[in-house]
Amino acid sequence: MLSTSNPQSGPARTTPPTLQDLLPIDDLGEIPTATPWCQRWRERRHSFRHTSAGGFNPRHYALEPLAVRTAKEFVLHHHYSGSFPSAKKTFGLFNTSDSEPQLSGVAVFGLSVGKAVLERALPDLEANVASLECSRFVLLDECPANAESWFLARCFDELLASNVRGVVSFADPVPRRTNTGELVAVGHVGTIYQASNAAYTGRATARTVKLLPDGTILHDRAAQKVRKQEQGHEYVEAKLMALGAPAPRAGCIPALWLRDALHAVGARNVRHRGPHRYVFRLGRNQRERERITLGYPELMPYPKRPDPCN
């Protein structure tokens, strides 16, 4: 606590701490855009950078298209989700201040799980072709403040050059903990997108999600891969076995094995109010951007706080 005293006014007066006094701490989520703090990641743990510690110098950084394999390795190692989605465009942020450029950030733009997600948000654009979903955006803790705004803007330049005219991104505001209480997801309100003037269009559909004991979510699409033995089911099954599920027996019914596996690992149902949805319309100028129809009304003000932890 900060305190000031006046010998003529009796006891010292205690003033409440400011947000700047409190940071950085481990279990705080994203910080409102009015504050000078930027969130960073390393090995799936977040930290904060203050603008006064040194601003971003674009002369020391470069954006390059990135091989999907390289992007996947980086995201799996550093992003809190520990997963990698379907990718169509992947970009890397490289620190060029040393003789050997160092990969310091990755942005992934890919296909939405369902075309309707993009079609409803950007009805004028062909989903998964002229519109994509920004599904991962992660910068290492070495990146100075304001790096994300520059990186995102350069990504949009590259996308526009390849005839992508719209981007939808979601921010999950629900903090998640493991069964032992460790915080693994701090809850995001979309601070990066707000700072880049995205159109906020409310929350996606509320639903019940399956929370695994390591704090990650088993998405419906992943569960469906197991039930129908589609491509990628081995990865989902291996994850559940690593959490304590028995291995599938020869000839077992996949849907029944999944049910028993989730029970064995202690998965639980959690009600999710829906992620925050942001939409970017891309164009060379404001007139071009405004010609692209928003499928949802734009809402204000931006959300500022994560949801309560379940």
Protein backbone atom coordinates (compact mmCIF):
# COMPACT_ATOMS: atom_id res chain seq x y z
CA MET A 1 0.00 0.00 0.00
CA LEU A 2 1.13 3.55 -0.64
CA SER A 3 0.85 6.01 2.22
CA THR A 4 1.35 9.72 2.69
CA SER A 5 1.49 11.60 5.97
CA ASN A 6 0.85 15.17 7.03
CA PRO A 7 2.08 16.11 10.55
CA GLN A 8 -0.84 18.52 10.91
CA SER A 9 -3.56 16.07 9.94
CA GLY A 10 -2.94 13.23 12.37
CA PRO A 11 -2.34 9.62 11.29
CA ALA A 12 -0.97 8.74 7.89
CA ARG A 13 -3.52 8.57 5.08
CA THR A 14 -3.50 5.32 3.15
CA THR A 15 -4.32 5.44 -0.55
CA PRO A 16 -5.38 2.40 -2.56
CA PRO A 17 -2.78 0.86 -4.89
CA THR A 18 -3.02 1.61 -8.58
CA LEU A 19 -3.03 -1.10 -11.22
CA GLN A 20 0.58 -0.22 -11.99
CA ASP A 21 1.53 -0.89 -8.35
CA LEU A 22 -0.06 -4.34 -8.46
CA LEU A 23 1.57 -5.66 -11.60
CA PRO A 24 3.08 -8.01 -12.51
CA ILE A 25 1.40 -10.85 -10.64
CA ASP A 26 0.89 -14.42 -11.77
CA ASP A 27 -2.86 -14.86 -11.63
CA LEU A 28 -4.10 -11.62 -13.20
CA GLY A 29 -5.66 -11.83 -16.63
CA GLU A 30 -5.52 -9.29 -19.41
CA ILE A 31 -5.33 -5.64 -18.45
CA PRO A 32 -7.74 -2.96 -19.74
CA THR A 33 -6.47 -1.17 -22.83
CA ALA A 34 -6.22 2.14 -20.96
CA THR A 35 -3.31 0.75 -18.94
CA PRO A 36 0.31 0.54 -20.17
CA TRP A 37 0.68 -3.24 -19.78
CA CYS A 38 1.12 -5.84 -22.54
CA GLN A 39 0.78 -9.58 -22.06
CA ARG A 40 3.52 -11.96 -23.20
CA TRP A 41 4.10 -15.71 -23.19
CA ARG A 42 6.87 -18.27 -22.77
CA GLU A 43 6.37 -21.99 -22.33
CA ARG A 44 2.60 -21.48 -21.82
CA ARG A 45 3.07 -19.04 -18.90
CA HIS A 46 2.10 -15.40 -19.18
CA SER A 47 3.90 -12.27 -18.00
CA PHE A 48 3.56 -8.54 -18.55
CA ARG A 49 5.58 -5.81 -20.24
CA HIS A 50 5.23 -2.15 -19.30
CA THR A 51 5.56 0.50 -22.00
CA SER A 52 8.00 2.49 -19.86
CA ALA A 53 10.45 -0.44 -20.00
CA GLY A 54 11.19 0.31 -23.64
CA GLY A 55 8.94 0.76 -26.62
CA PHE A 56 8.78 -1.32 -29.77
CA ASN A 57 11.30 -0.41 -32.49
CA PRO A 58 10.10 -1.69 -35.89
CA ARG A 59 13.66 -1.44 -37.27
CA HIS A 60 14.59 -4.43 -35.08
CA TYR A 61 11.75 -6.68 -36.24
CA ALA A 62 10.48 -8.21 -39.46
CA LEU A 63 7.46 -10.23 -40.52
CA GLU A 64 7.90 -13.29 -42.70
CA PRO A 65 5.54 -16.03 -43.92
CA LEU A 66 6.18 -19.10 -41.80
CA ALA A 67 6.02 -22.80 -42.58
CA VAL A 68 3.04 -24.41 -40.86
CA ARG A 69 5.29 -26.97 -39.18
CA THR A 70 7.46 -24.26 -37.64
CA ALA A 71 4.40 -22.28 -36.52
CA LYS A 72 2.89 -25.39 -34.96
CA GLU A 73 6.02 -26.20 -32.95
CA PHE A 74 6.18 -22.63 -31.63
CA VAL A 75 2.50 -22.47 -30.71
CA LEU A 76 2.43 -25.86 -29.00
CA HIS A 77 5.47 -24.91 -26.94
CA HIS A 78 4.39 -21.43 -25.87
CA HIS A 79 0.63 -20.82 -26.28
CA TYR A 80 -1.49 -21.50 -23.20
CA SER A 81 -3.95 -23.69 -25.16
CA GLY A 82 -1.33 -26.29 -26.00
CA SER A 83 -3.12 -26.96 -29.29
CA PHE A 84 -2.81 -25.96 -32.94
CA PRO A 85 -5.81 -25.35 -35.24
CA SER A 86 -6.24 -25.73 -38.97
CA ALA A 87 -3.99 -23.13 -40.59
CA LYS A 88 -4.09 -21.45 -43.99
CA LYS A 89 -1.77 -18.46 -43.42
CA THR A 90 0.98 -18.44 -40.79
CA PHE A 91 3.33 -15.54 -40.08
CA GLY A 92 6.36 -15.15 -37.87
CA LEU A 93 7.65 -12.08 -36.05
CA PHE A 94 11.47 -12.15 -36.17
CA ASN A 95 13.84 -10.18 -33.98
CA THR A 96 16.56 -9.02 -36.38
CA SER A 97 18.70 -7.06 -33.91
CA ASP A 98 21.24 -9.92 -33.75
CA SER A 99 23.16 -11.47 -36.61
CA GLU A 100 20.79 -14.46 -36.61
CA PRO A 101 17.06 -13.53 -36.72
CA GLN A 102 15.12 -15.04 -33.83
CA LEU A 103 11.49 -16.15 -34.05
CA SER A 104 9.69 -14.13 -31.37
CA GLY A 105 6.01 -14.44 -32.28
CA VAL A 106 3.54 -16.35 -34.42
CA ALA A 107 0.14 -15.47 -35.88
CA VAL A 108 -2.11 -18.17 -37.34
CA PHE A 109 -5.01 -17.45 -39.69
CA GLY A 110 -7.01 -20.47 -40.64
CA LEU A 111 -10.27 -22.16 -41.48
CA SER A 112 -13.19 -21.84 -39.13
CA VAL A 113 -14.59 -25.07 -37.70
CA GLY A 114 -17.89 -24.20 -39.36
CA LYS A 115 -18.26 -21.85 -42.34
CA ALA A 116 -21.29 -20.28 -40.68
CA VAL A 117 -19.01 -18.61 -38.14
CA LEU A 118 -17.42 -16.53 -40.90
CA GLU A 119 -20.51 -16.24 -43.10
CA ARG A 120 -22.59 -14.71 -40.33
CA ALA A 121 -19.90 -12.25 -39.32
CA LEU A 122 -18.88 -11.25 -42.87
CA PRO A 123 -21.76 -12.21 -45.21
CA ASP A 124 -20.25 -10.46 -48.27
CA LEU A 125 -17.09 -12.59 -48.22
CA GLU A 126 -16.48 -16.21 -49.19
CA ALA A 127 -15.75 -18.06 -45.97
CA ASN A 128 -12.31 -19.67 -45.63
CA VAL A 129 -11.19 -17.89 -48.80
CA ALA A 130 -11.81 -14.14 -48.55
CA SER A 131 -12.40 -14.35 -44.81
CA LEU A 132 -10.35 -16.29 -42.25
CA GLU A 133 -10.24 -16.79 -38.51
CA CYS A 134 -7.30 -15.52 -36.46
CA SER A 135 -6.95 -18.59 -34.27
CA ARG A 136 -3.56 -18.08 -32.58
CA PHE A 137 -1.55 -14.96 -31.77
CA VAL A 138 1.36 -15.33 -29.37
CA LEU A 139 4.44 -13.20 -28.65
CA LEU A 140 7.38 -14.19 -26.44
CA ASP A 141 8.16 -12.31 -23.25
CA GLU A 142 11.21 -10.75 -24.90
CA CYS A 143 9.01 -8.61 -27.19
CA PRO A 144 8.68 -4.96 -26.11
CA ALA A 145 5.36 -3.28 -25.52
CA ASN A 146 3.32 -2.36 -28.62
CA ALA A 147 4.88 -5.16 -30.68
CA GLU A 148 1.52 -6.88 -31.09
CA SER A 149 -0.15 -3.91 -32.80
CA TRP A 150 2.65 -3.65 -35.34
CA PHE A 151 2.72 -7.40 -35.92
CA LEU A 152 -1.04 -7.64 -36.40
CA ALA A 153 -1.08 -4.69 -38.80
CA ARG A 154 1.68 -6.26 -40.93
CA CYS A 155 -0.22 -9.57 -40.96
CA PHE A 156 -3.27 -7.75 -42.28
CA ASP A 157 -1.16 -6.15 -45.04
CA GLU A 158 -0.01 -9.62 -46.12
CA LEU A 159 -3.52 -11.03 -45.99
CA LEU A 160 -4.94 -8.15 -48.02
CA ALA A 161 -2.24 -8.71 -50.66
CA SER A 162 -3.52 -12.30 -51.02
CA ASN A 163 -7.16 -11.12 -51.38
CA VAL A 164 -8.27 -11.83 -47.82
CA ARG A 165 -10.71 -9.07 -46.93
CA GLY A 166 -11.98 -10.03 -43.50
CA VAL A 167 -10.78 -11.64 -40.26
CA VAL A 168 -12.79 -12.92 -37.31
CA SER A 169 -11.15 -13.58 -33.97
CA PHE A 170 -12.41 -14.79 -30.62
CA ALA A 171 -11.20 -14.07 -27.10
CA ASP A 172 -12.06 -16.58 -24.39
CA PRO A 173 -12.81 -14.61 -21.19
CA VAL A 174 -13.17 -17.66 -18.94
CA PRO A 175 -10.17 -18.40 -16.66
CA ARG A 176 -9.40 -22.09 -16.29
CA ARG A 177 -7.59 -24.05 -13.62
CA THR A 178 -6.37 -27.61 -13.43
CA ASN A 179 -7.93 -30.05 -10.98
CA THR A 180 -5.08 -29.14 -8.60
CA GLY A 181 -5.90 -25.43 -8.77
CA GLU A 182 -3.10 -24.25 -11.07
CA LEU A 183 -4.17 -21.37 -13.33
CA VAL A 184 -3.51 -22.32 -16.96
CA ALA A 185 -5.73 -19.81 -18.80
CA VAL A 186 -6.07 -16.31 -17.41
CA GLY A 187 -9.17 -15.27 -19.34
CA HIS A 188 -8.88 -12.96 -22.34
CA VAL A 189 -11.07 -9.99 -23.29
CA GLY A 190 -9.33 -9.27 -26.61
CA THR A 191 -7.03 -6.43 -25.56
CA ILE A 192 -4.91 -6.77 -28.71
CA TYR A 193 -7.96 -6.56 -30.98
CA GLN A 194 -9.37 -3.59 -29.08
CA ALA A 195 -6.07 -1.73 -29.45
CA SER A 196 -6.26 -2.41 -33.20
CA ASN A 197 -9.79 -0.96 -33.49
CA ALA A 198 -11.61 -4.20 -34.22
CA ALA A 199 -15.38 -4.19 -34.42
CA TYR A 200 -16.70 -5.85 -31.27
CA THR A 201 -19.84 -7.81 -32.13
CA GLY A 202 -20.74 -9.42 -28.82
CA ARG A 203 -20.36 -12.96 -27.59
CA ALA A 204 -20.66 -16.18 -29.52
CA THR A 205 -23.22 -18.80 -28.55
CA ALA A 206 -23.18 -19.93 -24.92
CA ARG A 207 -22.58 -23.64 -24.47
CA THR A 208 -21.48 -26.32 -22.07
CA VAL A 209 -17.85 -27.39 -22.53
CA LYS A 210 -15.98 -30.45 -21.32
CA LEU A 211 -13.12 -29.36 -19.04
CA LEU A 212 -10.25 -31.84 -18.68
CA PRO A 213 -8.19 -32.14 -15.48
CA ASP A 214 -5.23 -30.28 -17.02
CA GLY A 215 -7.45 -27.24 -17.53
CA THR A 216 -7.85 -27.64 -21.29
CA ILE A 217 -11.16 -28.04 -23.10
CA LEU A 218 -12.11 -31.08 -25.13
CA HIS A 219 -13.89 -29.39 -28.01
CA ASP A 220 -16.88 -30.97 -29.72
CA ARG A 221 -14.91 -31.35 -32.94
CA ALA A 222 -12.16 -33.31 -31.17
CA ALA A 223 -14.70 -35.57 -29.51
CA GLN A 224 -16.36 -36.18 -32.88
CA LYS A 225 -13.02 -37.30 -34.34
CA VAL A 226 -12.86 -40.03 -31.72
CA ARG A 227 -16.47 -41.13 -32.12
CA LYS A 228 -16.17 -41.42 -35.91
CA GLN A 229 -12.46 -42.36 -35.96
CA GLU A 230 -11.69 -39.44 -38.26
CA GLN A 231 -8.25 -38.06 -39.02
CA GLY A 232 -6.67 -36.78 -35.81
CA HIS A 233 -8.47 -39.15 -33.44
CA GLU A 234 -5.15 -40.69 -32.37
CA TYR A 235 -3.97 -37.36 -30.95
CA VAL A 236 -7.14 -36.94 -28.89
CA GLU A 237 -7.00 -40.51 -27.62
CA ALA A 238 -3.32 -40.15 -26.67
CA LYS A 239 -4.09 -36.97 -24.73
CA LEU A 240 -6.84 -38.68 -22.74
CA MET A 241 -4.61 -41.70 -22.04
CA ALA A 242 -1.86 -39.37 -20.81
CA LEU A 243 -4.41 -37.99 -18.33
CA GLY A 244 -5.21 -41.47 -17.04
CA ALA A 245 -7.76 -42.98 -19.43
CA PRO A 246 -7.37 -46.67 -20.32
CA ALA A 247 -6.19 -47.53 -23.83
CA PRO A 248 -8.96 -48.48 -26.29
CA ARG A 249 -9.40 -52.24 -26.57
CA ALA A 250 -9.54 -53.92 -29.96
CA GLY A 251 -13.08 -53.94 -31.30
CA CYS A 252 -14.46 -51.45 -28.75
CA ILE A 253 -17.07 -48.91 -29.79
CA PRO A 254 -15.25 -45.52 -29.97
CA ALA A 255 -18.19 -43.51 -28.59
CA LEU A 256 -18.43 -45.78 -25.54
CA TRP A 257 -14.68 -45.67 -25.00
CA LEU A 258 -14.77 -41.85 -25.09
CA ARG A 259 -17.57 -41.77 -22.52
CA ASP A 260 -15.64 -44.06 -20.18
CA ALA A 261 -12.36 -42.24 -20.78
CA LEU A 262 -13.84 -38.88 -19.82
CA HIS A 263 -15.26 -40.40 -16.66
CA ALA A 264 -11.92 -42.02 -15.84
CA VAL A 265 -9.92 -38.78 -16.10
CA GLY A 266 -12.46 -36.77 -14.12
CA ALA A 267 -13.60 -34.44 -16.89
CA ARG A 268 -16.39 -32.09 -15.85
CA ASN A 269 -19.01 -29.99 -17.62
CA VAL A 270 -18.62 -26.22 -17.36
CA ARG A 271 -21.12 -23.64 -18.59
CA HIS A 272 -19.44 -21.15 -20.93
CA ARG A 273 -21.16 -17.85 -21.74
CA GLY A 274 -19.44 -17.70 -25.12
CA PRO A 275 -16.20 -16.08 -26.28
CA HIS A 276 -15.98 -12.42 -27.29
CA ARG A 277 -16.15 -12.01 -31.07
CA TYR A 278 -14.11 -9.39 -32.96
CA VAL A 279 -14.26 -8.61 -36.69
CA PHE A 280 -11.72 -6.85 -38.90
CA ARG A 281 -12.63 -5.58 -42.36
CA LEU A 282 -9.49 -5.23 -44.50
CA GLY A 283 -8.98 -2.65 -47.22
CA ARG A 284 -6.50 -0.13 -48.56
CA ASN A 285 -8.50 2.74 -47.08
CA GLN A 286 -11.51 3.42 -44.88
CA ARG A 287 -13.92 3.53 -47.82
CA GLU A 288 -12.94 0.01 -48.93
CA ARG A 289 -13.26 -1.29 -45.40
CA GLU A 290 -16.69 0.24 -44.87
CA ARG A 291 -18.02 -1.35 -48.07
CA ILE A 292 -17.71 -4.76 -46.41
CA THR A 293 -20.90 -5.62 -44.55
CA LEU A 294 -20.82 -6.56 -40.89
CA GLY A 295 -23.21 -9.40 -40.21
CA TYR A 296 -23.64 -8.38 -36.56
CA PRO A 297 -24.24 -4.95 -35.02
CA GLU A 298 -21.12 -3.31 -33.66
CA LEU A 299 -21.30 -2.93 -29.88
CA MET A 300 -19.63 -0.55 -27.48
CA PRO A 301 -17.99 -0.28 -25.04
CA TYR A 302 -15.38 -2.98 -25.32
CA PRO A 303 -15.40 -5.63 -22.56
CA LYS A 304 -12.75 -4.92 -19.94
CA ARG A 305 -12.71 -7.81 -17.47
CA PRO A 306 -12.54 -11.61 -17.77
CA ASP A 307 -15.41 -13.73 -16.48
CA PRO A 308 -15.31 -15.19 -12.96
CA CYS A 309 -13.35 -18.43 -12.69
CA ASN A 310 -15.50 -21.58 -12.69
